[in-house]
Amino acid sequence: MARSDADVRPGKIETVEPIGKRILIRKDEDKKKTKGGIQLPDNIEIPTITGRIVAVSAQVDRDEDFPLQQYDRVLFNPKHAIPVDFEGDNRLFVVPVEDVVAVFRRTT
């Protein structure tokens, strides 16, 4: 049964849960300074395609072929990323797991 806007009560916390082979990523801030230390004007940004996993769908969580978990920092192809209009900064994206091309790991 579909819920109407009247069914959403004030004060309730709304969450986003990816479905299927998808994950929810909070994209890293776009860089305002180059590696060489040159400050860029406000209207120019170096696009980043890295971010932190906020949530993993149940299907991805059970799949051993995708060793991804919440809080992992990943590199992803933004071509199929779907922006989620959930927060004011609009940095949340639902991304197909196949578009995650690398995960950053620290070695001990």
N, C-alpha and C. Protein backbone atom coordinates (compact mmCIF):
# COMPACT_ATOMS: atom_id res chain seq x y z
N MET A 1 0.83 -1.17 0.00
CA MET A 1 0.00 0.00 0.00
C MET A 1 0.88 1.24 0.00
N ALA A 2 0.65 2.18 -0.88
CA ALA A 2 1.42 3.40 -0.97
C ALA A 2 1.05 4.34 0.16
N ARG A 3 2.01 5.08 0.65
CA ARG A 3 1.75 6.04 1.72
C ARG A 3 1.61 7.43 1.12
N SER A 4 0.69 8.19 1.64
CA SER A 4 0.54 9.57 1.19
C SER A 4 1.38 10.46 2.09
N ASP A 5 1.52 11.72 1.68
CA ASP A 5 2.27 12.67 2.49
C ASP A 5 1.64 12.86 3.86
N ALA A 6 0.31 12.64 3.95
CA ALA A 6 -0.38 12.79 5.23
C ALA A 6 0.04 11.70 6.21
N ASP A 7 0.57 10.56 5.70
CA ASP A 7 0.98 9.47 6.57
C ASP A 7 2.33 9.73 7.24
N VAL A 8 3.08 10.69 6.73
CA VAL A 8 4.40 10.99 7.29
C VAL A 8 4.20 11.94 8.46
N ARG A 9 4.58 11.49 9.64
CA ARG A 9 4.36 12.29 10.84
C ARG A 9 5.59 13.16 11.12
N PRO A 10 5.36 14.41 11.55
CA PRO A 10 6.49 15.26 11.91
C PRO A 10 7.27 14.64 13.06
N GLY A 11 8.57 14.85 13.06
CA GLY A 11 9.42 14.32 14.11
C GLY A 11 9.94 12.93 13.83
N LYS A 12 9.39 12.23 12.85
CA LYS A 12 9.89 10.91 12.48
C LYS A 12 11.17 11.08 11.67
N ILE A 13 12.11 10.19 11.87
CA ILE A 13 13.36 10.23 11.13
C ILE A 13 13.18 9.46 9.83
N GLU A 14 13.54 10.10 8.73
CA GLU A 14 13.44 9.46 7.42
C GLU A 14 14.82 8.93 7.03
N THR A 15 14.87 7.71 6.53
CA THR A 15 16.12 7.11 6.10
C THR A 15 16.02 6.71 4.64
N VAL A 16 17.17 6.48 4.04
CA VAL A 16 17.23 6.01 2.66
C VAL A 16 17.91 4.65 2.68
N GLU A 17 17.24 3.64 2.16
CA GLU A 17 17.81 2.30 2.10
C GLU A 17 17.87 1.86 0.65
N PRO A 18 19.07 1.62 0.13
CA PRO A 18 19.17 1.17 -1.26
C PRO A 18 18.57 -0.23 -1.43
N ILE A 19 18.02 -0.47 -2.60
CA ILE A 19 17.38 -1.74 -2.93
C ILE A 19 18.14 -2.38 -4.09
N GLY A 20 18.18 -3.70 -4.14
CA GLY A 20 18.88 -4.39 -5.22
C GLY A 20 20.38 -4.31 -5.02
N LYS A 21 21.12 -4.39 -6.10
CA LYS A 21 22.58 -4.34 -6.02
C LYS A 21 23.04 -2.89 -6.09
N ARG A 22 22.68 -2.13 -5.05
CA ARG A 22 23.03 -0.72 -4.99
C ARG A 22 23.53 -0.36 -3.59
N ILE A 23 24.28 0.74 -3.55
CA ILE A 23 24.74 1.27 -2.28
C ILE A 23 24.46 2.76 -2.25
N LEU A 24 24.43 3.33 -1.06
CA LEU A 24 24.24 4.76 -0.88
C LEU A 24 25.59 5.36 -0.51
N ILE A 25 26.03 6.35 -1.27
CA ILE A 25 27.35 6.95 -1.08
C ILE A 25 27.18 8.44 -0.80
N ARG A 26 27.94 8.95 0.18
CA ARG A 26 28.06 10.38 0.39
C ARG A 26 29.34 10.82 -0.33
N LYS A 27 29.16 11.53 -1.43
CA LYS A 27 30.29 11.97 -2.26
C LYS A 27 31.17 12.93 -1.47
N ASP A 28 32.49 12.77 -1.63
CA ASP A 28 33.43 13.68 -0.99
C ASP A 28 33.25 15.09 -1.55
N GLU A 29 33.66 16.07 -0.78
CA GLU A 29 33.61 17.47 -1.23
C GLU A 29 34.47 17.62 -2.47
N ASP A 30 34.00 18.45 -3.42
CA ASP A 30 34.84 18.79 -4.56
C ASP A 30 35.99 19.66 -4.07
N LYS A 31 37.14 19.48 -4.66
CA LYS A 31 38.34 20.18 -4.20
C LYS A 31 38.35 21.62 -4.71
N LYS A 32 38.79 22.52 -3.83
CA LYS A 32 38.89 23.93 -4.18
C LYS A 32 40.36 24.34 -4.35
N LYS A 33 41.26 23.37 -4.13
CA LYS A 33 42.69 23.66 -4.23
C LYS A 33 43.37 22.50 -4.92
N THR A 34 44.31 22.79 -5.82
CA THR A 34 45.04 21.73 -6.50
C THR A 34 46.08 21.13 -5.57
N LYS A 35 46.64 19.99 -5.94
CA LYS A 35 47.69 19.37 -5.13
C LYS A 35 48.90 20.28 -4.98
N GLY A 36 49.12 21.12 -6.00
CA GLY A 36 50.24 22.06 -5.95
C GLY A 36 49.98 23.26 -5.07
N GLY A 37 48.77 23.38 -4.52
CA GLY A 37 48.45 24.46 -3.60
C GLY A 37 47.79 25.67 -4.25
N ILE A 38 47.44 25.56 -5.53
CA ILE A 38 46.81 26.69 -6.21
C ILE A 38 45.33 26.73 -5.82
N GLN A 39 44.89 27.88 -5.29
CA GLN A 39 43.49 28.06 -4.92
C GLN A 39 42.67 28.32 -6.17
N LEU A 40 41.58 27.57 -6.35
CA LEU A 40 40.72 27.72 -7.52
C LEU A 40 39.60 28.71 -7.24
N PRO A 41 39.15 29.43 -8.26
CA PRO A 41 37.99 30.31 -8.07
C PRO A 41 36.78 29.50 -7.65
N ASP A 42 35.81 30.16 -6.99
CA ASP A 42 34.63 29.47 -6.48
C ASP A 42 33.83 28.77 -7.57
N ASN A 43 33.84 29.28 -8.79
CA ASN A 43 33.02 28.68 -9.85
C ASN A 43 33.71 27.52 -10.55
N ILE A 44 34.95 27.21 -10.18
CA ILE A 44 35.69 26.08 -10.78
C ILE A 44 36.00 25.07 -9.67
N GLU A 45 35.70 23.82 -9.94
CA GLU A 45 35.98 22.75 -8.99
C GLU A 45 36.61 21.58 -9.72
N ILE A 46 37.47 20.85 -9.02
CA ILE A 46 38.01 19.61 -9.55
C ILE A 46 37.03 18.52 -9.14
N PRO A 47 36.34 17.89 -10.11
CA PRO A 47 35.33 16.90 -9.74
C PRO A 47 35.97 15.69 -9.07
N THR A 48 35.32 15.21 -8.03
CA THR A 48 35.79 14.00 -7.37
C THR A 48 34.76 12.91 -7.56
N ILE A 49 35.22 11.72 -7.61
CA ILE A 49 34.32 10.58 -7.72
C ILE A 49 34.63 9.58 -6.61
N THR A 50 34.95 10.13 -5.46
CA THR A 50 35.17 9.31 -4.28
C THR A 50 34.13 9.67 -3.23
N GLY A 51 33.90 8.75 -2.33
CA GLY A 51 32.96 9.02 -1.26
C GLY A 51 32.96 7.89 -0.25
N ARG A 52 32.14 8.06 0.78
CA ARG A 52 31.99 7.05 1.83
C ARG A 52 30.65 6.36 1.69
N ILE A 53 30.65 5.07 1.91
CA ILE A 53 29.41 4.32 1.86
C ILE A 53 28.60 4.63 3.12
N VAL A 54 27.37 5.06 2.91
CA VAL A 54 26.45 5.37 4.00
C VAL A 54 25.60 4.14 4.33
N ALA A 55 25.15 3.43 3.29
CA ALA A 55 24.31 2.25 3.48
C ALA A 55 24.54 1.27 2.33
N VAL A 56 24.41 0.00 2.64
CA VAL A 56 24.56 -1.07 1.66
C VAL A 56 23.24 -1.84 1.63
N SER A 57 22.75 -2.16 0.45
CA SER A 57 21.52 -2.93 0.36
C SER A 57 21.74 -4.33 0.94
N ALA A 58 20.65 -4.96 1.35
CA ALA A 58 20.74 -6.32 1.90
C ALA A 58 21.32 -7.29 0.87
N GLN A 59 21.00 -7.10 -0.39
CA GLN A 59 21.50 -8.00 -1.44
C GLN A 59 23.02 -7.89 -1.58
N VAL A 60 23.55 -6.67 -1.53
CA VAL A 60 25.01 -6.48 -1.62
C VAL A 60 25.68 -7.00 -0.35
N ASP A 61 25.05 -6.78 0.79
CA ASP A 61 25.61 -7.23 2.07
C ASP A 61 25.80 -8.74 2.11
N ARG A 62 24.90 -9.49 1.47
CA ARG A 62 24.98 -10.96 1.46
C ARG A 62 25.90 -11.50 0.36
N ASP A 63 26.30 -10.66 -0.59
CA ASP A 63 27.06 -11.12 -1.75
C ASP A 63 28.56 -11.03 -1.48
N GLU A 64 29.22 -12.18 -1.43
CA GLU A 64 30.66 -12.23 -1.14
C GLU A 64 31.50 -11.64 -2.27
N ASP A 65 30.93 -11.49 -3.47
CA ASP A 65 31.67 -10.90 -4.59
C ASP A 65 31.88 -9.40 -4.41
N PHE A 66 31.15 -8.78 -3.50
CA PHE A 66 31.26 -7.35 -3.26
C PHE A 66 31.62 -7.11 -1.80
N PRO A 67 32.93 -7.05 -1.49
CA PRO A 67 33.37 -6.89 -0.10
C PRO A 67 33.26 -5.43 0.35
N LEU A 68 32.04 -4.89 0.33
CA LEU A 68 31.81 -3.50 0.69
C LEU A 68 30.99 -3.43 1.96
N GLN A 69 31.31 -2.45 2.78
CA GLN A 69 30.55 -2.26 4.00
C GLN A 69 30.42 -0.78 4.31
N GLN A 70 29.52 -0.47 5.22
CA GLN A 70 29.29 0.91 5.60
C GLN A 70 30.60 1.54 6.06
N TYR A 71 30.80 2.81 5.69
CA TYR A 71 31.95 3.64 6.02
C TYR A 71 33.18 3.40 5.15
N ASP A 72 33.15 2.40 4.25
CA ASP A 72 34.27 2.24 3.32
C ASP A 72 34.37 3.47 2.44
N ARG A 73 35.59 3.86 2.12
CA ARG A 73 35.81 4.94 1.15
C ARG A 73 36.03 4.27 -0.19
N VAL A 74 35.29 4.74 -1.21
CA VAL A 74 35.31 4.08 -2.51
C VAL A 74 35.51 5.09 -3.64
N LEU A 75 35.97 4.56 -4.76
CA LEU A 75 36.07 5.29 -6.02
C LEU A 75 34.95 4.74 -6.88
N PHE A 76 34.12 5.64 -7.46
CA PHE A 76 32.99 5.15 -8.24
C PHE A 76 32.81 5.94 -9.52
N ASN A 77 32.21 5.26 -10.50
CA ASN A 77 31.88 5.88 -11.78
C ASN A 77 30.54 6.59 -11.58
N PRO A 78 30.49 7.92 -11.75
CA PRO A 78 29.26 8.65 -11.47
C PRO A 78 28.21 8.59 -12.59
N LYS A 79 28.51 7.88 -13.68
CA LYS A 79 27.60 7.88 -14.83
C LYS A 79 26.18 7.44 -14.48
N HIS A 80 26.04 6.40 -13.66
CA HIS A 80 24.72 5.88 -13.32
C HIS A 80 24.28 6.25 -11.90
N ALA A 81 25.05 7.12 -11.24
CA ALA A 81 24.71 7.54 -9.88
C ALA A 81 23.43 8.38 -9.89
N ILE A 82 22.54 8.08 -8.98
CA ILE A 82 21.27 8.80 -8.89
C ILE A 82 21.32 9.70 -7.66
N PRO A 83 21.25 11.02 -7.86
CA PRO A 83 21.28 11.92 -6.69
C PRO A 83 20.04 11.76 -5.84
N VAL A 84 20.23 11.84 -4.53
CA VAL A 84 19.12 11.72 -3.59
C VAL A 84 18.89 13.10 -2.98
N ASP A 85 17.72 13.65 -3.23
CA ASP A 85 17.38 14.97 -2.70
C ASP A 85 16.90 14.79 -1.26
N PHE A 86 17.85 14.57 -0.37
CA PHE A 86 17.54 14.20 1.01
C PHE A 86 18.12 15.21 1.99
N GLU A 87 19.24 15.81 1.60
CA GLU A 87 19.91 16.78 2.45
C GLU A 87 20.17 18.03 1.63
N GLY A 88 20.37 19.13 2.29
CA GLY A 88 20.60 20.39 1.61
C GLY A 88 21.83 20.42 0.73
N ASP A 89 22.90 19.72 1.12
CA ASP A 89 24.13 19.76 0.34
C ASP A 89 24.09 18.86 -0.89
N ASN A 90 23.07 17.98 -0.97
CA ASN A 90 22.85 17.13 -2.14
C ASN A 90 24.09 16.35 -2.55
N ARG A 91 24.73 15.68 -1.59
CA ARG A 91 25.91 14.88 -1.89
C ARG A 91 25.65 13.39 -1.74
N LEU A 92 24.41 12.98 -1.52
CA LEU A 92 24.07 11.56 -1.42
C LEU A 92 23.68 11.02 -2.78
N PHE A 93 24.20 9.84 -3.11
CA PHE A 93 23.91 9.20 -4.39
C PHE A 93 23.67 7.72 -4.19
N VAL A 94 22.66 7.19 -4.88
CA VAL A 94 22.45 5.75 -4.95
C VAL A 94 23.23 5.28 -6.18
N VAL A 95 24.12 4.33 -5.97
CA VAL A 95 25.05 3.91 -7.02
C VAL A 95 24.95 2.39 -7.21
N PRO A 96 24.81 1.93 -8.45
CA PRO A 96 24.86 0.48 -8.69
C PRO A 96 26.22 -0.06 -8.23
N VAL A 97 26.22 -1.19 -7.58
CA VAL A 97 27.47 -1.72 -7.03
C VAL A 97 28.50 -1.99 -8.14
N GLU A 98 28.03 -2.25 -9.35
CA GLU A 98 28.95 -2.49 -10.46
C GLU A 98 29.75 -1.22 -10.83
N ASP A 99 29.25 -0.04 -10.42
CA ASP A 99 29.95 1.21 -10.71
C ASP A 99 31.00 1.57 -9.67
N VAL A 100 31.12 0.76 -8.61
CA VAL A 100 32.21 0.96 -7.65
C VAL A 100 33.43 0.27 -8.23
N VAL A 101 34.46 1.05 -8.50
CA VAL A 101 35.63 0.49 -9.19
C VAL A 101 36.80 0.20 -8.25
N ALA A 102 36.76 0.77 -7.04
CA ALA A 102 37.86 0.51 -6.10
C ALA A 102 37.40 0.87 -4.69
N VAL A 103 37.98 0.19 -3.73
CA VAL A 103 37.75 0.51 -2.32
C VAL A 103 39.11 0.80 -1.71
N PHE A 104 39.19 1.85 -0.91
CA PHE A 104 40.45 2.23 -0.27
C PHE A 104 40.58 1.47 1.04
N ARG A 105 41.70 0.77 1.21
CA ARG A 105 41.97 0.00 2.43
C ARG A 105 43.30 0.44 3.01
N ARG A 106 43.37 0.47 4.32
CA ARG A 106 44.64 0.74 5.00
C ARG A 106 45.29 -0.59 5.35
N THR A 107 46.57 -0.69 5.09
CA THR A 107 47.29 -1.90 5.46
C THR A 107 47.92 -1.69 6.82
N THR A 108 48.00 -2.75 7.59
CA THR A 108 48.56 -2.65 8.94
C THR A 108 49.91 -3.28 9.02
